[in-house]
Amino acid sequence: MDTFEKIDDQTIQVTKMVEPDVITYDISFLKTQRETIQAQKDRDNAQRDTELSEVDNLLAKAKSLGIKETVIPVDVTPLSVVEEVIK
């Protein structure tokens, strides 16, 4: 049975009780499973490479057109100054 405990007002802790599980695998199944997973990984990686290439091409085109990133000013007041103001 799982147990639940309040740690603080924003946090819950869950302890999961897991029953022992025995699984038997056939070697040919494992080999097939590995091949399937590898094929999926290769396909997914190829898709990510395509997406990265597309983004890189868009960034290059934007640069060639003189399009620049909007820079949002960030307050870089040292924390010690902020703490002093708060006091």
Protein backbone atom coordinates (compact mmCIF):
# COMPACT_ATOMS: atom_id res chain seq x y z
CA MET A 1 0.00 0.00 0.00
CA ASP A 2 1.33 3.44 -0.92
CA THR A 3 1.83 6.02 1.81
CA PHE A 4 1.44 9.78 1.47
CA GLU A 5 2.99 12.38 3.73
CA LYS A 6 2.79 16.16 3.79
CA ILE A 7 6.32 17.59 3.82
CA ASP A 8 5.31 21.25 3.80
CA ASP A 9 2.52 23.43 2.36
CA GLN A 10 3.75 22.84 -1.21
CA THR A 11 5.18 19.31 -1.07
CA ILE A 12 3.78 15.79 -0.81
CA GLN A 13 5.94 12.70 -0.40
CA VAL A 14 4.73 9.40 -1.85
CA THR A 15 6.23 6.08 -0.82
CA LYS A 16 5.30 3.38 -3.30
CA MET A 17 5.26 -0.19 -2.14
CA VAL A 18 6.13 -2.38 -5.08
CA GLU A 19 5.47 -6.08 -5.09
CA PRO A 20 8.30 -8.28 -6.33
CA ASP A 21 7.83 -9.07 -10.00
CA VAL A 22 9.33 -12.00 -11.87
CA ILE A 23 9.52 -11.73 -15.66
CA THR A 24 10.85 -14.35 -18.04
CA TYR A 25 12.25 -13.25 -21.40
CA ASP A 26 12.98 -15.26 -24.51
CA ILE A 27 16.34 -14.26 -26.05
CA SER A 28 14.89 -13.93 -29.55
CA PHE A 29 12.22 -11.57 -28.18
CA LEU A 30 14.89 -9.43 -26.51
CA LYS A 31 16.93 -9.26 -29.71
CA THR A 32 13.85 -8.26 -31.72
CA GLN A 33 12.91 -5.72 -29.06
CA ARG A 34 16.39 -4.19 -29.20
CA GLU A 35 16.26 -3.93 -33.01
CA THR A 36 12.85 -2.26 -32.82
CA ILE A 37 13.99 0.24 -30.20
CA GLN A 38 17.15 1.04 -32.18
CA ALA A 39 15.11 1.61 -35.35
CA GLN A 40 12.76 3.96 -33.47
CA LYS A 41 15.74 5.81 -32.01
CA ASP A 42 17.35 6.20 -35.43
CA ARG A 43 14.07 7.47 -36.91
CA ASP A 44 13.54 9.94 -34.07
CA ASN A 45 17.13 11.20 -34.27
CA ALA A 46 16.78 11.72 -38.02
CA GLN A 47 13.60 13.73 -37.42
CA ARG A 48 15.35 15.91 -34.83
CA ASP A 49 18.25 16.47 -37.24
CA THR A 50 15.76 17.63 -39.88
CA GLU A 51 14.10 20.01 -37.40
CA LEU A 52 17.45 21.43 -36.26
CA SER A 53 18.50 21.97 -39.88
CA GLU A 54 15.26 23.83 -40.59
CA VAL A 55 15.73 26.11 -37.57
CA ASP A 56 19.39 26.72 -38.48
CA ASN A 57 18.32 27.67 -42.03
CA LEU A 58 15.69 30.09 -40.69
CA LEU A 59 18.25 31.68 -38.34
CA ALA A 60 20.71 32.10 -41.23
CA LYS A 61 18.01 33.62 -43.46
CA ALA A 62 16.95 36.02 -40.67
CA LYS A 63 20.58 37.08 -40.18
CA SER A 64 21.04 37.67 -43.92
CA LEU A 65 17.92 39.85 -43.89
CA GLY A 66 19.30 41.89 -40.98
CA ILE A 67 16.72 40.62 -38.48
CA LYS A 68 18.02 40.85 -34.94
CA GLU A 69 16.99 39.35 -31.63
CA THR A 70 15.08 41.60 -29.26
CA VAL A 71 17.17 42.08 -26.16
CA ILE A 72 15.14 42.45 -22.99
CA PRO A 73 16.95 44.52 -20.37
CA VAL A 74 17.62 42.61 -17.18
CA ASP A 75 18.05 44.20 -13.76
CA VAL A 76 21.51 43.19 -12.60
CA THR A 77 21.36 44.88 -9.22
CA PRO A 78 23.57 42.86 -6.87
CA LEU A 79 21.60 40.81 -4.36
CA SER A 80 23.38 42.53 -1.47
CA VAL A 81 21.97 45.89 -2.61
CA VAL A 82 18.46 44.45 -2.89
CA GLU A 83 18.73 42.90 0.58
CA GLU A 84 19.91 46.23 2.00
CA VAL A 85 16.92 48.07 0.46
CA ILE A 86 14.52 45.48 1.88
CA LYS A 87 15.86 45.97 5.41
